[in-house]
PDB file of N, CA and C in Angstrom:
ATOM      1  N   MET A   1      81.486 107.980  69.581  1.00  0.00           N
ATOM      2  CA  MET A   1      81.581 106.717  70.631  1.00  0.00           C
ATOM      3  C   MET A   1      80.779 106.560  71.785  1.00  0.00           C
ATOM      4  N   ILE A   2      80.673 105.611  71.997  1.00  0.00           N
ATOM      5  CA  ILE A   2      79.809 105.522  73.438  1.00  0.00           C
ATOM      6  C   ILE A   2      80.925 104.860  74.041  1.00  0.00           C
ATOM      7  N   ILE A   3      81.350 105.175  75.337  1.00  0.00           N
ATOM      8  CA  ILE A   3      82.149 104.385  76.279  1.00  0.00           C
ATOM      9  C   ILE A   3      81.636 104.586  77.852  1.00  0.00           C
ATOM     10  N   ASP A   4      82.241 103.818  78.852  1.00  0.00           N
ATOM     11  CA  ASP A   4      82.058 103.726  79.635  1.00  0.00           C
ATOM     12  C   ASP A   4      82.551 105.064  80.702  1.00  0.00           C
ATOM     13  N   GLN A   5      81.608 105.720  81.514  1.00  0.00           N
ATOM     14  CA  GLN A   5      82.513 106.662  82.325  1.00  0.00           C
ATOM     15  C   GLN A   5      83.548 106.282  83.059  1.00  0.00           C
ATOM     16  N   ASN A   6      83.709 104.950  83.572  1.00  0.00           N
ATOM     17  CA  ASN A   6      84.900 105.133  84.584  1.00  0.00           C
ATOM     18  C   ASN A   6      85.923 104.859  83.354  1.00  0.00           C
ATOM     19  N   LEU A   7      86.029 104.647  82.284  1.00  0.00           N
ATOM     20  CA  LEU A   7      86.886 104.331  81.167  1.00  0.00           C
ATOM     21  C   LEU A   7      87.135 105.910  81.122  1.00  0.00           C
ATOM     22  N   PHE A   8      86.342 106.660  80.495  1.00  0.00           N
ATOM     23  CA  PHE A   8      86.310 107.894  80.468  1.00  0.00           C
ATOM     24  C   PHE A   8      87.223 108.741  81.255  1.00  0.00           C
ATOM     25  N   GLN A   9      86.921 108.741  82.568  1.00  0.00           N
ATOM     26  CA  GLN A   9      87.286 109.177  83.857  1.00  0.00           C
ATOM     27  C   GLN A   9      88.728 108.884  83.786  1.00  0.00           C
ATOM     28  N   ASN A  10      89.184 107.943  83.781  1.00  0.00           N
ATOM     29  CA  ASN A  10      90.679 106.814  83.911  1.00  0.00           C
ATOM     30  C   ASN A  10      91.557 107.858  82.529  1.00  0.00           C
ATOM     31  N   ILE A  11      90.682 107.676  81.568  1.00  0.00           N
ATOM     32  CA  ILE A  11      91.719 108.710  80.294  1.00  0.00           C
ATOM     33  C   ILE A  11      92.109 110.402  80.490  1.00  0.00           C
ATOM     34  N   LYS A  12      90.941 110.673  81.475  1.00  0.00           N
ATOM     35  CA  LYS A  12      91.051 112.043  81.845  1.00  0.00           C
ATOM     36  C   LYS A  12      92.308 112.189  82.851  1.00  0.00           C
ATOM     37  N   ASP A  13      92.273 111.316  83.371  1.00  0.00           N
ATOM     38  CA  ASP A  13      93.073 111.130  84.700  1.00  0.00           C
ATOM     39  C   ASP A  13      94.785 111.004  84.205  1.00  0.00           C
ATOM     40  N   ILE A  14      95.150 110.092  83.301  1.00  0.00           N
ATOM     41  CA  ILE A  14      96.199 109.524  83.002  1.00  0.00           C
ATOM     42  C   ILE A  14      96.572 110.965  81.716  1.00  0.00           C
ATOM     43  N   ASN A  15      95.827 111.721  81.103  1.00  0.00           N
ATOM     44  CA  ASN A  15      96.326 112.728  79.956  1.00  0.00           C
ATOM     45  C   ASN A  15      96.562 114.174  80.595  1.00  0.00           C
ATOM     46  N   GLY A  16      95.513 113.768  82.015  1.00  0.00           N
ATOM     47  CA  GLY A  16      95.698 115.149  82.759  1.00  0.00           C
ATOM     48  C   GLY A  16      94.681 116.559  81.703  1.00  0.00           C
ATOM     49  N   TYR A  17      93.741 116.116  80.914  1.00  0.00           N
ATOM     50  CA  TYR A  17      93.461 116.966  80.432  1.00  0.00           C
ATOM     51  C   TYR A  17      91.722 116.726  80.086  1.00  0.00           C
ATOM     52  N   ASP A  18      90.762 117.746  80.416  1.00  0.00           N
ATOM     53  CA  ASP A  18      88.867 117.134  80.705  1.00  0.00           C
ATOM     54  C   ASP A  18      88.735 117.555  78.905  1.00  0.00           C
ATOM     55  N   TYR A  19      88.355 116.423  78.505  1.00  0.00           N
ATOM     56  CA  TYR A  19      87.714 116.352  77.339  1.00  0.00           C
ATOM     57  C   TYR A  19      86.560 116.622  77.036  1.00  0.00           C
ATOM     58  N   ASP A  20      85.626 117.052  76.529  1.00  0.00           N
ATOM     59  CA  ASP A  20      84.114 117.087  76.150  1.00  0.00           C
ATOM     60  C   ASP A  20      83.540 115.664  76.161  1.00  0.00           C
ATOM     61  N   ALA A  21      82.629 115.365  76.975  1.00  0.00           N
ATOM     62  CA  ALA A  21      81.790 114.139  76.888  1.00  0.00           C
ATOM     63  C   ALA A  21      80.537 114.473  76.973  1.00  0.00           C
ATOM     64  N   TYR A  22      79.201 113.486  76.341  1.00  0.00           N
ATOM     65  CA  TYR A  22      78.196 113.703  76.557  1.00  0.00           C
ATOM     66  C   TYR A  22      77.289 112.786  77.063  1.00  0.00           C
ATOM     67  N   LYS A  23      76.373 112.982  78.383  1.00  0.00           N
ATOM     68  CA  LYS A  23      75.777 111.615  78.785  1.00  0.00           C
ATOM     69  C   LYS A  23      74.934 110.909  77.805  1.00  0.00           C
ATOM     70  N   VAL A  24      74.836 109.738  77.887  1.00  0.00           N
ATOM     71  CA  VAL A  24      73.947 109.295  77.015  1.00  0.00           C
ATOM     72  C   VAL A  24      72.482 108.883  77.885  1.00  0.00           C
ATOM     73  N   ASN A  25      71.393 109.440  77.512  1.00  0.00           N
ATOM     74  CA  ASN A  25      70.141 109.405  77.681  1.00  0.00           C
ATOM     75  C   ASN A  25      70.067 109.187  79.400  1.00  0.00           C
ATOM     76  N   ASN A  26      71.122 109.965  79.839  1.00  0.00           N
ATOM     77  CA  ASN A  26      70.954 110.351  81.378  1.00  0.00           C
ATOM     78  C   ASN A  26      71.163 108.912  82.050  1.00  0.00           C
ATOM     79  N   GLU A  27      71.902 108.365  81.480  1.00  0.00           N
ATOM     80  CA  GLU A  27      72.399 107.242  82.141  1.00  0.00           C
ATOM     81  C   GLU A  27      74.057 107.796  82.492  1.00  0.00           C
ATOM     82  N   ASP A  28      74.064 107.394  84.119  1.00  0.00           N
ATOM     83  CA  ASP A  28      75.555 107.438  84.843  1.00  0.00           C
ATOM     84  C   ASP A  28      76.650 107.021  83.986  1.00  0.00           C
ATOM     85  N   GLU A  29      76.805 105.524  83.701  1.00  0.00           N
ATOM     86  CA  GLU A  29      77.443 104.937  83.348  1.00  0.00           C
ATOM     87  C   GLU A  29      78.225 105.033  81.871  1.00  0.00           C
ATOM     88  N   LYS A  30      77.366 105.839  80.931  1.00  0.00           N
ATOM     89  CA  LYS A  30      77.852 106.058  79.756  1.00  0.00           C
ATOM     90  C   LYS A  30      78.230 107.421  79.329  1.00  0.00           C
ATOM     91  N   VAL A  31      79.446 107.878  78.386  1.00  0.00           N
ATOM     92  CA  VAL A  31      79.243 108.915  77.883  1.00  0.00           C
ATOM     93  C   VAL A  31      79.568 108.760  76.430  1.00  0.00           C
ATOM     94  N   PHE A  32      79.006 109.727  75.682  1.00  0.00           N
ATOM     95  CA  PHE A  32      79.422 110.007  74.412  1.00  0.00           C
ATOM     96  C   PHE A  32      80.224 110.832  73.862  1.00  0.00           C
ATOM     97  N   ILE A  33      81.579 110.728  72.895  1.00  0.00           N
ATOM     98  CA  ILE A  33      82.387 111.451  72.793  1.00  0.00           C
ATOM     99  C   ILE A  33      82.836 111.839  71.462  1.00  0.00           C
ATOM    100  N   THR A  34      82.999 112.874  71.257  1.00  0.00           N
ATOM    101  CA  THR A  34      82.948 113.043  69.506  1.00  0.00           C
ATOM    102  C   THR A  34      84.261 112.538  68.544  1.00  0.00           C
ATOM    103  N   ALA A  35      84.116 112.469  67.779  1.00  0.00           N
ATOM    104  CA  ALA A  35      85.350 111.896  66.855  1.00  0.00           C
ATOM    105  C   ALA A  35      86.129 112.823  66.738  1.00  0.00           C
ATOM    106  N   ASP A  36      86.643 114.332  66.926  1.00  0.00           N
ATOM    107  CA  ASP A  36      87.458 115.115  67.350  1.00  0.00           C
ATOM    108  C   ASP A  36      87.941 114.699  68.516  1.00  0.00           C
ATOM    109  N   ASN A  37      87.160 114.804  69.426  1.00  0.00           N
ATOM    110  CA  ASN A  37      87.827 114.442  70.747  1.00  0.00           C
ATOM    111  C   ASN A  37      88.827 112.922  70.911  1.00  0.00           C
ATOM    112  N   LEU A  38      87.978 112.224  70.171  1.00  0.00           N
ATOM    113  CA  LEU A  38      88.582 110.946  70.604  1.00  0.00           C
ATOM    114  C   LEU A  38      90.000 110.577  69.391  1.00  0.00           C
ATOM    115  N   ILE A  39      89.849 111.288  68.737  1.00  0.00           N
ATOM    116  CA  ILE A  39      91.591 111.634  68.128  1.00  0.00           C
ATOM    117  C   ILE A  39      92.318 112.797  68.737  1.00  0.00           C
ATOM    118  N   TYR A  40      91.750 113.306  69.665  1.00  0.00           N
ATOM    119  CA  TYR A  40      92.762 114.059  70.704  1.00  0.00           C
ATOM    120  C   TYR A  40      93.089 113.045  71.603  1.00  0.00           C
ATOM    121  N   ILE A  41      92.305 112.511  72.079  1.00  0.00           N
ATOM    122  CA  ILE A  41      92.504 111.517  73.378  1.00  0.00           C
ATOM    123  C   ILE A  41      93.572 110.441  72.631  1.00  0.00           C
ATOM    124  N   ILE A  42      93.520 110.113  71.442  1.00  0.00           N
ATOM    125  CA  ILE A  42      94.644 109.209  71.027  1.00  0.00           C
ATOM    126  C   ILE A  42      95.914 110.030  70.481  1.00  0.00           C
ATOM    127  N   GLU A  43      96.180 111.315  69.961  1.00  0.00           N
ATOM    128  CA  GLU A  43      97.003 111.712  70.227  1.00  0.00           C
ATOM    129  C   GLU A  43      97.613 112.206  71.249  1.00  0.00           C
ATOM    130  N   ASP A  44      97.023 112.462  72.415  1.00  0.00           N
ATOM    131  CA  ASP A  44      97.836 112.513  73.584  1.00  0.00           C
ATOM    132  C   ASP A  44      98.061 111.721  74.345  1.00  0.00           C
ATOM    133  N   MET A  45      97.686 110.715  74.119  1.00  0.00           N
ATOM    134  CA  MET A  45      97.885 109.454  74.493  1.00  0.00           C
ATOM    135  C   MET A  45      99.487 108.860  73.954  1.00  0.00           C
ATOM    136  N   ILE A  46      99.624 108.999  72.709  1.00  0.00           N
ATOM    137  CA  ILE A  46     100.763 108.797  71.847  1.00  0.00           C
ATOM    138  C   ILE A  46     101.914 109.781  72.556  1.00  0.00           C
ATOM    139  N   CYS A  47     101.606 110.711  72.746  1.00  0.00           N
ATOM    140  CA  CYS A  47     102.371 111.859  73.045  1.00  0.00           C
ATOM    141  C   CYS A  47     102.859 111.223  74.922  1.00  0.00           C
ATOM    142  N   LYS A  48     101.976 110.922  75.679  1.00  0.00           N
ATOM    143  CA  LYS A  48     102.417 110.445  76.670  1.00  0.00           C
ATOM    144  C   LYS A  48     102.980 109.178  76.849  1.00  0.00           C
ATOM    145  N   ILE A  49     102.710 108.366  76.145  1.00  0.00           N
ATOM    146  CA  ILE A  49     103.559 107.388  75.945  1.00  0.00           C
ATOM    147  C   ILE A  49     105.138 107.457  75.490  1.00  0.00           C
ATOM    148  N   GLU A  50     105.292 108.386  74.420  1.00  0.00           N
ATOM    149  CA  GLU A  50     106.612 108.850  74.021  1.00  0.00           C
ATOM    150  C   GLU A  50     107.171 109.461  75.190  1.00  0.00           C
ATOM    151  N   ASN A  51     106.682 110.366  75.403  1.00  0.00           N
ATOM    152  CA  ASN A  51     107.447 111.180  76.870  1.00  0.00           C
ATOM    153  C   ASN A  51     108.108 109.972  78.035  1.00  0.00           C
ATOM    154  N   LEU A  52     107.249 108.977  78.219  1.00  0.00           N
ATOM    155  CA  LEU A  52     107.351 108.144  79.374  1.00  0.00           C
ATOM    156  C   LEU A  52     108.433 106.941  78.760  1.00  0.00           C
ATOM    157  N   GLU A  53     108.642 106.419  77.420  1.00  0.00           N
ATOM    158  CA  GLU A  53     109.761 105.805  76.711  1.00  0.00           C
ATOM    159  C   GLU A  53     110.705 106.800  76.939  1.00  0.00           C
ATOM    160  N   GLU A  54     110.757 108.251  76.902  1.00  0.00           N
ATOM    161  CA  GLU A  54     111.770 109.056  76.951  1.00  0.00           C
ATOM    162  C   GLU A  54     112.867 108.846  78.584  1.00  0.00           C
ATOM    163  N   LYS A  55     111.676 109.103  79.242  1.00  0.00           N
ATOM    164  CA  LYS A  55     111.721 109.028  80.679  1.00  0.00           C
ATOM    165  C   LYS A  55     112.752 107.890  81.055  1.00  0.00           C
ATOM    166  N   TYR A  56     111.899 106.373  80.432  1.00  0.00           N
ATOM    167  CA  TYR A  56     112.773 105.445  80.725  1.00  0.00           C
ATOM    168  C   TYR A  56     114.026 104.830  80.004  1.00  0.00           C
ATOM    169  N   GLU A  57     114.361 105.974  78.759  1.00  0.00           N
ATOM    170  CA  GLU A  57     115.647 105.311  78.278  1.00  0.00           C
ATOM    171  C   GLU A  57     116.505 106.308  78.735  1.00  0.00           C
ATOM    172  N   ASP A  58     116.160 107.400  79.395  1.00  0.00           N
ATOM    173  CA  ASP A  58     116.846 108.503  80.324  1.00  0.00           C
ATOM    174  C   ASP A  58     117.326 107.560  81.625  1.00  0.00           C
ATOM    175  N   LEU A  59     116.442 107.288  82.312  1.00  0.00           N
ATOM    176  CA  LEU A  59     116.792 106.224  83.435  1.00  0.00           C
ATOM    177  C   LEU A  59     117.707 105.237  83.180  1.00  0.00           C
ATOM    178  N   LEU A  60     117.289 104.500  82.277  1.00  0.00           N
ATOM    179  CA  LEU A  60     118.139 103.244  82.188  1.00  0.00           C
ATOM    180  C   LEU A  60     119.814 103.831  81.714  1.00  0.00           C
ATOM    181  N   ARG A  61     119.503 105.060  80.690  1.00  0.00           N
ATOM    182  CA  ARG A  61     121.110 105.295  80.388  1.00  0.00           C
ATOM    183  C   ARG A  61     121.635 105.920  81.740  1.00  0.00           C
ATOM    184  N   ASP A  62     121.107 106.325  82.576  1.00  0.00           N
ATOM    185  CA  ASP A  62     121.665 107.136  83.946  1.00  0.00           C
ATOM    186  C   ASP A  62     122.111 105.482  85.327  1.00  0.00           C
ATOM    187  N   VAL A  63     121.248 104.978  84.966  1.00  0.00           N
ATOM    188  CA  VAL A  63     121.680 103.433  85.640  1.00  0.00           C
ATOM    189  C   VAL A  63     123.292 102.847  85.321  1.00  0.00           C
ATOM    190  N   GLU A  64     122.803 102.902  84.129  1.00  0.00           N
ATOM    191  CA  GLU A  64     123.840 101.663  83.311  1.00  0.00           C
ATOM    192  C   GLU A  64     125.138 103.003  83.319  1.00  0.00           C
ATOM    193  N   ASP A  65     125.258 104.125  83.124  1.00  0.00           N
ATOM    194  CA  ASP A  65     126.351 104.903  83.602  1.00  0.00           C
ATOM    195  C   ASP A  65     127.082 105.639  84.700  1.00  0.00           C
ATOM    196  N   ASN A  66     125.967 105.250  85.839  1.00  0.00           N
ATOM    197  CA  ASN A  66     126.410 105.827  87.041  1.00  0.00           C
ATOM    198  C   ASN A  66     126.204 104.890  88.262  1.00  0.00           C
ATOM    199  N   TYR A  67     126.278 103.883  88.177  1.00  0.00           N
ATOM    200  CA  TYR A  67     126.158 102.434  89.088  1.00  0.00           C
ATOM    201  C   TYR A  67     127.008 101.497  88.326  1.00  0.00           C
ATOM    202  N   LYS A  68     127.611 100.819  89.324  1.00  0.00           N
ATOM    203  CA  LYS A  68     128.244  99.406  88.772  1.00  0.00           C
ATOM    204  C   LYS A  68     127.835  98.371  89.629  1.00  0.00           C
ATOM    205  N   ARG A  69     127.870  97.296  89.183  1.00  0.00           N
ATOM    206  CA  ARG A  69     127.567  95.934  90.117  1.00  0.00           C
ATOM    207  C   ARG A  69     128.124  95.658  91.172  1.00  0.00           C
ATOM    208  N   ILE A  70     128.354  95.451  92.418  1.00  0.00           N
ATOM    209  CA  ILE A  70     129.168  95.123  93.318  1.00  0.00           C
ATOM    210  C   ILE A  70     129.048  93.610  93.284  1.00  0.00           C
ATOM    211  N   SER A  71     130.445  93.181  93.581  1.00  0.00           N
ATOM    212  CA  SER A  71     130.598  91.776  93.874  1.00  0.00           C
ATOM    213  C   SER A  71     129.969  91.180  95.215  1.00  0.00           C
ATOM    214  N   ILE A  72     129.985  89.808  95.241  1.00  0.00           N
ATOM    215  CA  ILE A  72     129.764  89.506  96.440  1.00  0.00           C
ATOM    216  C   ILE A  72     130.651  89.606  97.587  1.00  0.00           C
ATOM    217  N   GLU A  73     131.866  89.445  97.449  1.00  0.00           N
ATOM    218  CA  GLU A  73     132.755  89.925  98.360  1.00  0.00           C
ATOM    219  C   GLU A  73     132.616  91.364  98.653  1.00  0.00           C
ATOM    220  N   GLU A  74     132.448  92.247  97.738  1.00  0.00           N
ATOM    221  CA  GLU A  74     132.128  93.772  98.616  1.00  0.00           C
ATOM    222  C   GLU A  74     130.900  93.938  99.809  1.00  0.00           C
ATOM    223  N   GLN A  75     130.027  92.900  98.921  1.00  0.00           N
ATOM    224  CA  GLN A  75     128.656  92.844  99.778  1.00  0.00           C
ATOM    225  C   GLN A  75     128.814  92.604 101.457  1.00  0.00           C
ATOM    226  N   ILE A  76     129.740  91.376 101.706  1.00  0.00           N
ATOM    227  CA  ILE A  76     129.457  91.033 102.744  1.00  0.00           C
ATOM    228  C   ILE A  76     130.943  91.613 103.273  1.00  0.00           C
ATOM    229  N   ASP A  77     131.444  92.407 102.756  1.00  0.00           N
ATOM    230  CA  ASP A  77     132.574  92.854 103.094  1.00  0.00           C
ATOM    231  C   ASP A  77     133.935  91.892 103.615  1.00  0.00           C
ATOM    232  N   TRP A  78     134.116  91.017 102.425  1.00  0.00           N
ATOM    233  CA  TRP A  78     135.296  89.950 102.408  1.00  0.00           C
ATOM    234  C   TRP A  78     136.452  90.065 101.825  1.00  0.00           C
ATOM    235  N   ASN A  79     137.476  90.116 102.696  1.00  0.00           N
ATOM    236  CA  ASN A  79     138.760  90.186 102.102  1.00  0.00           C
ATOM    237  C   ASN A  79     139.702  89.188 101.951  1.00  0.00           C
ATOM    238  N   ASP A  80     141.154  89.814 101.594  1.00  0.00           N
ATOM    239  CA  ASP A  80     141.928  88.449 101.221  1.00  0.00           C
ATOM    240  C   ASP A  80     142.578  87.932 102.735  1.00  0.00           C
ATOM    241  N   ARG A  81     142.533  88.680 103.524  1.00  0.00           N
ATOM    242  CA  ARG A  81     143.289  88.789 104.924  1.00  0.00           C
ATOM    243  C   ARG A  81     142.844  87.227 105.617  1.00  0.00           C
ATOM    244  N   TRP A  82     141.696  86.934 105.541  1.00  0.00           N
ATOM    245  CA  TRP A  82     140.981  85.874 106.140  1.00  0.00           C
ATOM    246  C   TRP A  82     141.555  84.453 106.037  1.00  0.00           C
TER     247      TRP A  82
END
């Protein structure tokens, strides 16, 4: 598969792994990725997405468990004595 060099660099940056790629006809902007490497890239991206979803769910659960909504009265330090 032939893809843009910038896209390939973004994939490497996101996944944190240096995949094998070959330049196409000495063009600086295109690289060739083997089918095996494409499968590895997709598998790594799926794992990355699953990890991010898990972190998001943990953060959401943490927020729901540990933080309460502050009423307007509490925000402006209003009390019944006034």
